[in-house]
Amino acid sequence: MPAPANRIDARFAALRDAKKKAFVAYVCAGDPTLDATIDIVLGLERAGVDVVELGVPFSDPLADGVVNQMAADRALKAGASTPGVIEMIRKLRTKSQIPLVLFTYLNPIYTYGYERFHHDAAAAGADGVLVLDLPPDEAAQNAELKPAPELRHIQLIAPTSPAERIASIAKFAEGFVYYVSRLGVTGAQAEIATGIAEQVAIIKAATEVPVCVGFGVSNPEQAAAIASKADGVVVGSAIVKLIEQNGSSPDCAAKVEAFVKPLVDAVHAL
């Protein structure tokens, strides 16, 4: 029998056929606990989220803003670990087939074992990995960093990337491209960045992989405005902040679902 299609590829293909935009949500695995993360992801799925990025807690998340840094710290203090996140995905897969991307840094992967991490993550049910501090050209030049074929390796593109750099990153793109619409670290913003449509057009000229835009989206109007200029939108810090505020509540997952649903509906209505 042929291998099943990667869930990320299948979801974007279905969205393209339906002429809909994607909604990608980020949460930190293990915040407030790994078991609670399963409930939160299920809530995100009920809200209509298309892809979930799961942050792997790390003690030095330099690309993350304070909200996501604090989430990683809470997760680590609650006992989350890279093996624990992989086991959590295995449990989640008994309840959901939502596409999952592991959002991480190179250090936790190397500590776990680079090849073993990719194999175990794929076997548990992960569909992709986004390594924040691994440039694709570095991976291409180092045999031990060769991507695992089972996982889609999501690429980040910054707003300052020149056209030739965009082209070189885009040629390695799998699953979807995550276009970071602002400089700096992650965090909700009062206004969306400028020049998104122009940058997305440059990226799309260099790859057939869908382009999703994130960094600072916190309400339905922002989500719709950004998604209208790309193939989808990524929302993270606003969700993580809500988890921070409600992590001790038994209704945390329900509150996340209620917050996210209007954002998803705004994007899917385009």
C-alpha atoms as a PDB file:
ATOM      1  CA  MET A   1       0.000   0.000   0.000  1.00  0.00           C
ATOM      2  CA  PRO A   2       1.241   3.531  -0.694  1.00  0.00           C
ATOM      3  CA  ALA A   3       2.313   5.612   2.291  1.00  0.00           C
ATOM      4  CA  PRO A   4      -0.404   7.981   3.522  1.00  0.00           C
ATOM      5  CA  ALA A   5      -0.051  11.574   2.401  1.00  0.00           C
ATOM      6  CA  ASN A   6       1.613  13.945   4.824  1.00  0.00           C
ATOM      7  CA  ARG A   7      -1.154  15.620   6.848  1.00  0.00           C
ATOM      8  CA  ILE A   8       0.221  19.126   6.175  1.00  0.00           C
ATOM      9  CA  ASP A   9       0.276  18.555   2.415  1.00  0.00           C
ATOM     10  CA  ALA A  10      -3.187  16.989   2.506  1.00  0.00           C
ATOM     11  CA  ARG A  11      -4.668  19.871   4.527  1.00  0.00           C
ATOM     12  CA  PHE A  12      -3.269  22.576   2.244  1.00  0.00           C
ATOM     13  CA  ALA A  13      -4.420  20.635  -0.828  1.00  0.00           C
ATOM     14  CA  ALA A  14      -7.940  20.453   0.621  1.00  0.00           C
ATOM     15  CA  LEU A  15      -7.890  24.166   1.449  1.00  0.00           C
ATOM     16  CA  ARG A  16      -6.695  25.004  -2.051  1.00  0.00           C
ATOM     17  CA  ASP A  17      -9.481  22.919  -3.584  1.00  0.00           C
ATOM     18  CA  ALA A  18     -12.009  24.671  -1.342  1.00  0.00           C
ATOM     19  CA  LYS A  19     -10.433  28.074  -2.144  1.00  0.00           C
ATOM     20  CA  LYS A  20      -9.926  28.711   1.557  1.00  0.00           C
ATOM     21  CA  LYS A  21      -7.076  30.203   3.562  1.00  0.00           C
ATOM     22  CA  ALA A  22      -5.242  28.309   6.316  1.00  0.00           C
ATOM     23  CA  PHE A  23      -5.254  29.072  10.019  1.00  0.00           C
ATOM     24  CA  VAL A  24      -2.114  27.916  11.833  1.00  0.00           C
ATOM     25  CA  ALA A  25      -2.045  28.103  15.644  1.00  0.00           C
ATOM     26  CA  TYR A  26       1.021  27.960  17.905  1.00  0.00           C
ATOM     27  CA  VAL A  27       1.073  26.712  21.494  1.00  0.00           C
ATOM     28  CA  CYS A  28       3.936  25.632  23.727  1.00  0.00           C
ATOM     29  CA  ALA A  29       3.766  21.913  24.487  1.00  0.00           C
ATOM     30  CA  GLY A  30       3.627  21.315  28.230  1.00  0.00           C
ATOM     31  CA  ASP A  31       2.115  24.687  29.140  1.00  0.00           C
ATOM     32  CA  PRO A  32       0.521  24.306  31.615  1.00  0.00           C
ATOM     33  CA  THR A  33       1.077  20.510  31.399  1.00  0.00           C
ATOM     34  CA  LEU A  34       1.496  17.966  28.629  1.00  0.00           C
ATOM     35  CA  ASP A  35      -1.912  16.433  29.347  1.00  0.00           C
ATOM     36  CA  ALA A  36      -3.490  19.891  29.229  1.00  0.00           C
ATOM     37  CA  THR A  37      -1.792  20.509  25.864  1.00  0.00           C
ATOM     38  CA  ILE A  38      -3.712  17.557  24.417  1.00  0.00           C
ATOM     39  CA  ASP A  39      -6.982  19.144  25.544  1.00  0.00           C
ATOM     40  CA  ILE A  40      -5.918  22.539  24.175  1.00  0.00           C
ATOM     41  CA  VAL A  41      -5.031  21.075  20.765  1.00  0.00           C
ATOM     42  CA  LEU A  42      -8.377  19.296  20.648  1.00  0.00           C
ATOM     43  CA  GLY A  43     -10.026  22.637  21.443  1.00  0.00           C
ATOM     44  CA  LEU A  44      -8.082  24.295  18.627  1.00  0.00           C
ATOM     45  CA  GLU A  45      -9.263  21.559  16.276  1.00  0.00           C
ATOM     46  CA  ARG A  46     -12.875  22.089  17.331  1.00  0.00           C
ATOM     47  CA  ALA A  47     -12.400  25.800  16.620  1.00  0.00           C
ATOM     48  CA  GLY A  48     -11.441  24.898  13.045  1.00  0.00           C
ATOM     49  CA  VAL A  49      -7.659  25.358  13.181  1.00  0.00           C
ATOM     50  CA  ASP A  50      -5.949  23.756  10.180  1.00  0.00           C
ATOM     51  CA  VAL A  51      -2.397  23.204  11.480  1.00  0.00           C
ATOM     52  CA  VAL A  52      -0.960  23.320  15.013  1.00  0.00           C
ATOM     53  CA  GLU A  53       2.628  24.328  15.740  1.00  0.00           C
ATOM     54  CA  LEU A  54       3.804  22.757  18.992  1.00  0.00           C
ATOM     55  CA  GLY A  55       6.684  24.541  20.660  1.00  0.00           C
ATOM     56  CA  VAL A  56       9.235  22.159  22.172  1.00  0.00           C
ATOM     57  CA  PRO A  57      10.174  23.746  25.534  1.00  0.00           C
ATOM     58  CA  PHE A  58      13.773  24.966  25.576  1.00  0.00           C
ATOM     59  CA  SER A  59      15.670  26.945  28.214  1.00  0.00           C
ATOM     60  CA  ASP A  60      17.127  29.491  25.772  1.00  0.00           C
ATOM     61  CA  PRO A  61      14.454  30.338  23.149  1.00  0.00           C
ATOM     62  CA  LEU A  62      16.160  33.416  21.711  1.00  0.00           C
ATOM     63  CA  ALA A  63      13.764  33.948  18.781  1.00  0.00           C
ATOM     64  CA  ASP A  64      10.730  34.024  21.071  1.00  0.00           C
ATOM     65  CA  GLY A  65       9.247  37.047  22.775  1.00  0.00           C
ATOM     66  CA  VAL A  66       8.624  37.202  26.494  1.00  0.00           C
ATOM     67  CA  VAL A  67       5.161  35.584  26.297  1.00  0.00           C
ATOM     68  CA  ASN A  68       6.487  32.473  24.561  1.00  0.00           C
ATOM     69  CA  GLN A  69       9.668  32.436  26.660  1.00  0.00           C
ATOM     70  CA  MET A  70       7.579  32.367  29.821  1.00  0.00           C
ATOM     71  CA  ALA A  71       5.439  29.574  28.367  1.00  0.00           C
ATOM     72  CA  ALA A  72       8.550  27.483  27.729  1.00  0.00           C
ATOM     73  CA  ASP A  73       9.745  28.188  31.266  1.00  0.00           C
ATOM     74  CA  ARG A  74       6.400  27.130  32.735  1.00  0.00           C
ATOM     75  CA  ALA A  75       6.427  23.954  30.654  1.00  0.00           C
ATOM     76  CA  LEU A  76       9.958  23.035  31.742  1.00  0.00           C
ATOM     77  CA  LYS A  77       9.120  23.686  35.390  1.00  0.00           C
ATOM     78  CA  ALA A  78       6.042  21.459  34.997  1.00  0.00           C
ATOM     79  CA  GLY A  79       8.314  18.630  33.853  1.00  0.00           C
ATOM     80  CA  ALA A  80       7.979  18.811  30.071  1.00  0.00           C
ATOM     81  CA  SER A  81      10.855  17.395  28.037  1.00  0.00           C
ATOM     82  CA  THR A  82      11.528  16.575  24.407  1.00  0.00           C
ATOM     83  CA  PRO A  83      10.793  12.845  24.939  1.00  0.00           C
ATOM     84  CA  GLY A  84       7.671  13.881  26.856  1.00  0.00           C
ATOM     85  CA  VAL A  85       6.466  16.036  23.961  1.00  0.00           C
ATOM     86  CA  ILE A  86       6.937  13.142  21.536  1.00  0.00           C
ATOM     87  CA  GLU A  87       4.994  10.823  23.846  1.00  0.00           C
ATOM     88  CA  MET A  88       2.271  13.476  24.161  1.00  0.00           C
ATOM     89  CA  ILE A  89       1.931  13.521  20.358  1.00  0.00           C
ATOM     90  CA  ARG A  90       1.557   9.735  20.403  1.00  0.00           C
ATOM     91  CA  LYS A  91      -1.326  10.075  22.879  1.00  0.00           C
ATOM     92  CA  LEU A  92      -2.882  12.928  20.908  1.00  0.00           C
ATOM     93  CA  ARG A  93      -2.891  10.806  17.759  1.00  0.00           C
ATOM     94  CA  THR A  94      -5.392   8.432  19.362  1.00  0.00           C
ATOM     95  CA  LYS A  95      -7.862  11.345  19.380  1.00  0.00           C
ATOM     96  CA  SER A  96      -6.958  13.619  16.482  1.00  0.00           C
ATOM     97  CA  GLN A  97      -5.375  13.693  13.027  1.00  0.00           C
ATOM     98  CA  ILE A  98      -4.815  17.461  12.931  1.00  0.00           C
ATOM     99  CA  PRO A  99      -1.506  18.349  11.182  1.00  0.00           C
ATOM    100  CA  LEU A 100       1.277  18.990  13.703  1.00  0.00           C
ATOM    101  CA  VAL A 101       4.542  20.901  13.305  1.00  0.00           C
ATOM    102  CA  LEU A 102       7.248  20.781  15.987  1.00  0.00           C
ATOM    103  CA  PHE A 103       8.568  24.307  16.512  1.00  0.00           C
ATOM    104  CA  THR A 104      12.005  24.003  18.051  1.00  0.00           C
ATOM    105  CA  TYR A 105      15.686  24.881  18.191  1.00  0.00           C
ATOM    106  CA  LEU A 106      18.696  22.815  17.167  1.00  0.00           C
ATOM    107  CA  ASN A 107      19.955  22.281  20.710  1.00  0.00           C
ATOM    108  CA  PRO A 108      17.070  20.096  21.967  1.00  0.00           C
ATOM    109  CA  ILE A 109      17.219  18.055  18.759  1.00  0.00           C
ATOM    110  CA  TYR A 110      20.958  17.440  19.075  1.00  0.00           C
ATOM    111  CA  THR A 111      20.596  16.602  22.765  1.00  0.00           C
ATOM    112  CA  TYR A 112      17.952  14.012  21.870  1.00  0.00           C
ATOM    113  CA  GLY A 113      19.927  12.771  18.856  1.00  0.00           C
ATOM    114  CA  TYR A 114      19.325  14.402  15.485  1.00  0.00           C
ATOM    115  CA  GLU A 115      18.378  11.344  13.468  1.00  0.00           C
ATOM    116  CA  ARG A 116      16.533   9.695  16.374  1.00  0.00           C
ATOM    117  CA  PHE A 117      14.506  12.860  17.023  1.00  0.00           C
ATOM    118  CA  HIS A 118      13.213  12.968  13.464  1.00  0.00           C
ATOM    119  CA  HIS A 119      12.446   9.247  13.409  1.00  0.00           C
ATOM    120  CA  ASP A 120      10.693   9.253  16.782  1.00  0.00           C
ATOM    121  CA  ALA A 121       8.746  12.441  16.057  1.00  0.00           C
ATOM    122  CA  ALA A 122       7.488  11.058  12.748  1.00  0.00           C
ATOM    123  CA  ALA A 123       6.657   7.692  14.304  1.00  0.00           C
ATOM    124  CA  ALA A 124       4.679   9.427  17.066  1.00  0.00           C
ATOM    125  CA  GLY A 125       2.621  11.344  14.510  1.00  0.00           C
ATOM    126  CA  ALA A 126       4.352  14.683  13.880  1.00  0.00           C
ATOM    127  CA  ASP A 127       4.075  15.948  10.310  1.00  0.00           C
ATOM    128  CA  GLY A 128       6.673  18.690  10.165  1.00  0.00           C
ATOM    129  CA  VAL A 129       9.464  20.448  12.001  1.00  0.00           C
ATOM    130  CA  LEU A 130      10.516  24.076  12.074  1.00  0.00           C
ATOM    131  CA  VAL A 131      14.039  24.527  13.441  1.00  0.00           C
ATOM    132  CA  LEU A 132      14.350  28.220  14.204  1.00  0.00           C
ATOM    133  CA  ASP A 133      18.140  28.414  14.266  1.00  0.00           C
ATOM    134  CA  LEU A 134      19.029  26.085  11.379  1.00  0.00           C
ATOM    135  CA  PRO A 135      19.474  27.933   8.065  1.00  0.00           C
ATOM    136  CA  PRO A 136      18.556  25.628   5.157  1.00  0.00           C
ATOM    137  CA  ASP A 137      21.875  26.153   3.409  1.00  0.00           C
ATOM    138  CA  GLU A 138      23.694  24.986   6.562  1.00  0.00           C
ATOM    139  CA  ALA A 139      21.568  21.841   6.606  1.00  0.00           C
ATOM    140  CA  ALA A 140      22.354  21.235   2.942  1.00  0.00           C
ATOM    141  CA  GLN A 141      26.100  21.447   3.582  1.00  0.00           C
ATOM    142  CA  ASN A 142      26.161  19.065   6.543  1.00  0.00           C
ATOM    143  CA  ALA A 143      25.326  15.416   5.935  1.00  0.00           C
ATOM    144  CA  GLU A 144      24.274  14.809   9.540  1.00  0.00           C
ATOM    145  CA  LEU A 145      21.595  17.505   9.195  1.00  0.00           C
ATOM    146  CA  LYS A 146      19.932  15.860   6.216  1.00  0.00           C
ATOM    147  CA  PRO A 147      16.158  16.258   6.629  1.00  0.00           C
ATOM    148  CA  ALA A 148      14.022  13.208   7.366  1.00  0.00           C
ATOM    149  CA  PRO A 149      11.736  12.475   4.412  1.00  0.00           C
ATOM    150  CA  GLU A 150       8.726  11.694   6.634  1.00  0.00           C
ATOM    151  CA  LEU A 151       8.650  15.224   8.070  1.00  0.00           C
ATOM    152  CA  ARG A 152       8.089  18.457   6.184  1.00  0.00           C
ATOM    153  CA  HIS A 153      10.818  20.950   7.021  1.00  0.00           C
ATOM    154  CA  ILE A 154       9.120  24.326   7.338  1.00  0.00           C
ATOM    155  CA  GLN A 155      11.231  27.331   6.374  1.00  0.00           C
ATOM    156  CA  LEU A 156      11.176  30.809   7.901  1.00  0.00           C
ATOM    157  CA  ILE A 157      11.649  33.907   5.766  1.00  0.00           C
ATOM    158  CA  ALA A 158      12.295  37.306   7.342  1.00  0.00           C
ATOM    159  CA  PRO A 159      11.034  40.686   6.088  1.00  0.00           C
ATOM    160  CA  THR A 160      14.615  41.832   5.509  1.00  0.00           C
ATOM    161  CA  SER A 161      15.541  38.901   3.268  1.00  0.00           C
ATOM    162  CA  PRO A 162      16.664  40.092  -0.188  1.00  0.00           C
ATOM    163  CA  ALA A 163      15.139  38.457  -3.267  1.00  0.00           C
ATOM    164  CA  GLU A 164      18.111  36.185  -3.902  1.00  0.00           C
ATOM    165  CA  ARG A 165      18.051  34.961  -0.299  1.00  0.00           C
ATOM    166  CA  ILE A 166      14.318  34.350  -0.525  1.00  0.00           C
ATOM    167  CA  ALA A 167      14.871  32.261  -3.649  1.00  0.00           C
ATOM    168  CA  SER A 168      17.605  30.187  -1.996  1.00  0.00           C
ATOM    169  CA  ILE A 169      15.445  29.502   1.095  1.00  0.00           C
ATOM    170  CA  ALA A 170      12.301  28.849  -0.925  1.00  0.00           C
ATOM    171  CA  LYS A 171      13.937  26.092  -2.946  1.00  0.00           C
ATOM    172  CA  PHE A 172      14.207  24.063   0.269  1.00  0.00           C
ATOM    173  CA  ALA A 173      10.610  24.796   1.290  1.00  0.00           C
ATOM    174  CA  GLU A 174       8.300  21.944   2.289  1.00  0.00           C
ATOM    175  CA  GLY A 175       4.799  21.941   3.756  1.00  0.00           C
ATOM    176  CA  PHE A 176       4.466  25.716   3.892  1.00  0.00           C
ATOM    177  CA  VAL A 177       6.682  28.775   4.192  1.00  0.00           C
ATOM    178  CA  TYR A 178       6.340  30.784   7.408  1.00  0.00           C
ATOM    179  CA  TYR A 179       6.840  34.432   6.461  1.00  0.00           C
ATOM    180  CA  VAL A 180       7.728  36.495   9.533  1.00  0.00           C
ATOM    181  CA  SER A 181       6.110  39.864   8.871  1.00  0.00           C
ATOM    182  CA  ARG A 182       8.083  41.844  11.467  1.00  0.00           C
ATOM    183  CA  LEU A 183      11.611  42.147  12.766  1.00  0.00           C
ATOM    184  CA  GLY A 184      12.347  41.199  16.356  1.00  0.00           C
ATOM    185  CA  VAL A 185      10.933  38.506  18.589  1.00  0.00           C
ATOM    186  CA  THR A 186       7.436  37.054  18.684  1.00  0.00           C
ATOM    187  CA  GLY A 187       4.540  38.906  20.295  1.00  0.00           C
ATOM    188  CA  ALA A 188       1.096  40.362  19.647  1.00  0.00           C
ATOM    189  CA  GLN A 189       1.009  43.749  17.905  1.00  0.00           C
ATOM    190  CA  ALA A 190      -1.560  46.545  17.736  1.00  0.00           C
ATOM    191  CA  GLU A 191      -1.221  46.875  13.969  1.00  0.00           C
ATOM    192  CA  ILE A 192      -0.233  44.536  11.158  1.00  0.00           C
ATOM    193  CA  ALA A 193       3.040  45.056   9.323  1.00  0.00           C
ATOM    194  CA  THR A 194       3.255  46.803   5.979  1.00  0.00           C
ATOM    195  CA  GLY A 195       4.477  45.368   2.685  1.00  0.00           C
ATOM    196  CA  ILE A 196       3.110  41.871   3.321  1.00  0.00           C
ATOM    197  CA  ALA A 197       1.464  41.426  -0.077  1.00  0.00           C
ATOM    198  CA  GLU A 198       4.630  42.449  -1.901  1.00  0.00           C
ATOM    199  CA  GLN A 199       6.852  40.108   0.085  1.00  0.00           C
ATOM    200  CA  VAL A 200       4.438  37.200  -0.255  1.00  0.00           C
ATOM    201  CA  ALA A 201       4.384  37.730  -4.017  1.00  0.00           C
ATOM    202  CA  ILE A 202       8.193  37.516  -4.128  1.00  0.00           C
ATOM    203  CA  ILE A 203       8.149  34.293  -2.089  1.00  0.00           C
ATOM    204  CA  LYS A 204       5.392  32.746  -4.189  1.00  0.00           C
ATOM    205  CA  ALA A 205       7.365  33.496  -7.342  1.00  0.00           C
ATOM    206  CA  ALA A 206      10.137  31.281  -5.958  1.00  0.00           C
ATOM    207  CA  THR A 207       8.123  28.290  -4.710  1.00  0.00           C
ATOM    208  CA  GLU A 208       4.838  26.453  -5.192  1.00  0.00           C
ATOM    209  CA  VAL A 209       4.631  25.742  -1.454  1.00  0.00           C
ATOM    210  CA  PRO A 210       1.905  27.743   0.382  1.00  0.00           C
ATOM    211  CA  VAL A 211       2.949  30.879   2.253  1.00  0.00           C
ATOM    212  CA  CYS A 212       1.571  31.630   5.732  1.00  0.00           C
ATOM    213  CA  VAL A 213       2.202  34.912   7.512  1.00  0.00           C
ATOM    214  CA  GLY A 214       2.535  35.457  11.233  1.00  0.00           C
ATOM    215  CA  PHE A 215       4.073  37.596  13.956  1.00  0.00           C
ATOM    216  CA  GLY A 216       1.734  39.716  16.029  1.00  0.00           C
ATOM    217  CA  VAL A 217      -1.757  38.637  14.946  1.00  0.00           C
ATOM    218  CA  SER A 218      -4.202  38.950  17.841  1.00  0.00           C
ATOM    219  CA  ASN A 219      -7.758  39.575  16.580  1.00  0.00           C
ATOM    220  CA  PRO A 220     -10.129  38.491  13.780  1.00  0.00           C
ATOM    221  CA  GLU A 221      -9.643  41.688  11.760  1.00  0.00           C
ATOM    222  CA  GLN A 222      -5.855  41.293  11.710  1.00  0.00           C
ATOM    223  CA  ALA A 223      -6.131  37.590  10.928  1.00  0.00           C
ATOM    224  CA  ALA A 224      -8.420  38.210   7.947  1.00  0.00           C
ATOM    225  CA  ALA A 225      -6.368  41.145   6.669  1.00  0.00           C
ATOM    226  CA  ILE A 226      -3.157  39.111   6.659  1.00  0.00           C
ATOM    227  CA  ALA A 227      -4.716  35.906   5.328  1.00  0.00           C
ATOM    228  CA  SER A 228      -6.164  37.881   2.407  1.00  0.00           C
ATOM    229  CA  LYS A 229      -2.600  38.614   1.287  1.00  0.00           C
ATOM    230  CA  ALA A 230      -1.247  35.053   1.634  1.00  0.00           C
ATOM    231  CA  ASP A 231      -2.262  31.387   1.790  1.00  0.00           C
ATOM    232  CA  GLY A 232      -2.795  31.506   5.521  1.00  0.00           C
ATOM    233  CA  VAL A 233      -2.081  33.173   8.841  1.00  0.00           C
ATOM    234  CA  VAL A 234      -0.170  32.066  11.945  1.00  0.00           C
ATOM    235  CA  VAL A 235      -1.350  33.089  15.423  1.00  0.00           C
ATOM    236  CA  GLY A 236       0.745  32.294  18.475  1.00  0.00           C
ATOM    237  CA  SER A 237       1.462  34.776  21.258  1.00  0.00           C
ATOM    238  CA  ALA A 238      -2.177  35.851  21.684  1.00  0.00           C
ATOM    239  CA  ILE A 239      -3.155  32.208  22.272  1.00  0.00           C
ATOM    240  CA  VAL A 240      -0.181  31.559  24.549  1.00  0.00           C
ATOM    241  CA  LYS A 241      -1.061  34.651  26.616  1.00  0.00           C
ATOM    242  CA  LEU A 242      -4.591  33.324  27.081  1.00  0.00           C
ATOM    243  CA  ILE A 243      -3.162  29.985  28.269  1.00  0.00           C
ATOM    244  CA  GLU A 244      -0.924  31.863  30.696  1.00  0.00           C
ATOM    245  CA  GLN A 245      -3.959  33.650  32.133  1.00  0.00           C
ATOM    246  CA  ASN A 246      -6.123  30.512  32.361  1.00  0.00           C
ATOM    247  CA  GLY A 247      -3.650  27.650  32.754  1.00  0.00           C
ATOM    248  CA  SER A 248      -4.888  26.783  36.246  1.00  0.00           C
ATOM    249  CA  SER A 249      -8.539  26.770  35.159  1.00  0.00           C
ATOM    250  CA  PRO A 250     -10.283  23.510  34.225  1.00  0.00           C
ATOM    251  CA  ASP A 251     -11.908  25.559  31.427  1.00  0.00           C
ATOM    252  CA  CYS A 252      -8.581  26.564  29.840  1.00  0.00           C
ATOM    253  CA  ALA A 253      -9.082  24.530  26.646  1.00  0.00           C
ATOM    254  CA  ALA A 254     -12.655  25.790  26.284  1.00  0.00           C
ATOM    255  CA  LYS A 255     -11.516  29.402  26.700  1.00  0.00           C
ATOM    256  CA  VAL A 256      -8.804  28.910  24.064  1.00  0.00           C
ATOM    257  CA  GLU A 257     -11.379  27.393  21.714  1.00  0.00           C
ATOM    258  CA  ALA A 258     -13.766  30.309  22.272  1.00  0.00           C
ATOM    259  CA  PHE A 259     -11.016  32.873  21.640  1.00  0.00           C
ATOM    260  CA  VAL A 260      -9.655  31.215  18.510  1.00  0.00           C
ATOM    261  CA  LYS A 261     -12.935  30.357  16.771  1.00  0.00           C
ATOM    262  CA  PRO A 262     -13.784  33.941  15.668  1.00  0.00           C
ATOM    263  CA  LEU A 263     -10.246  34.326  14.268  1.00  0.00           C
ATOM    264  CA  VAL A 264     -10.526  31.041  12.349  1.00  0.00           C
ATOM    265  CA  ASP A 265     -14.002  31.934  11.093  1.00  0.00           C
ATOM    266  CA  ALA A 266     -12.721  35.306   9.833  1.00  0.00           C
ATOM    267  CA  VAL A 267      -9.942  33.595   7.879  1.00  0.00           C
ATOM    268  CA  HIS A 268     -12.089  30.791   6.486  1.00  0.00           C
ATOM    269  CA  ALA A 269     -14.760  33.294   5.400  1.00  0.00           C
ATOM    270  CA  LEU A 270     -12.400  34.939   2.890  1.00  0.00           C
END
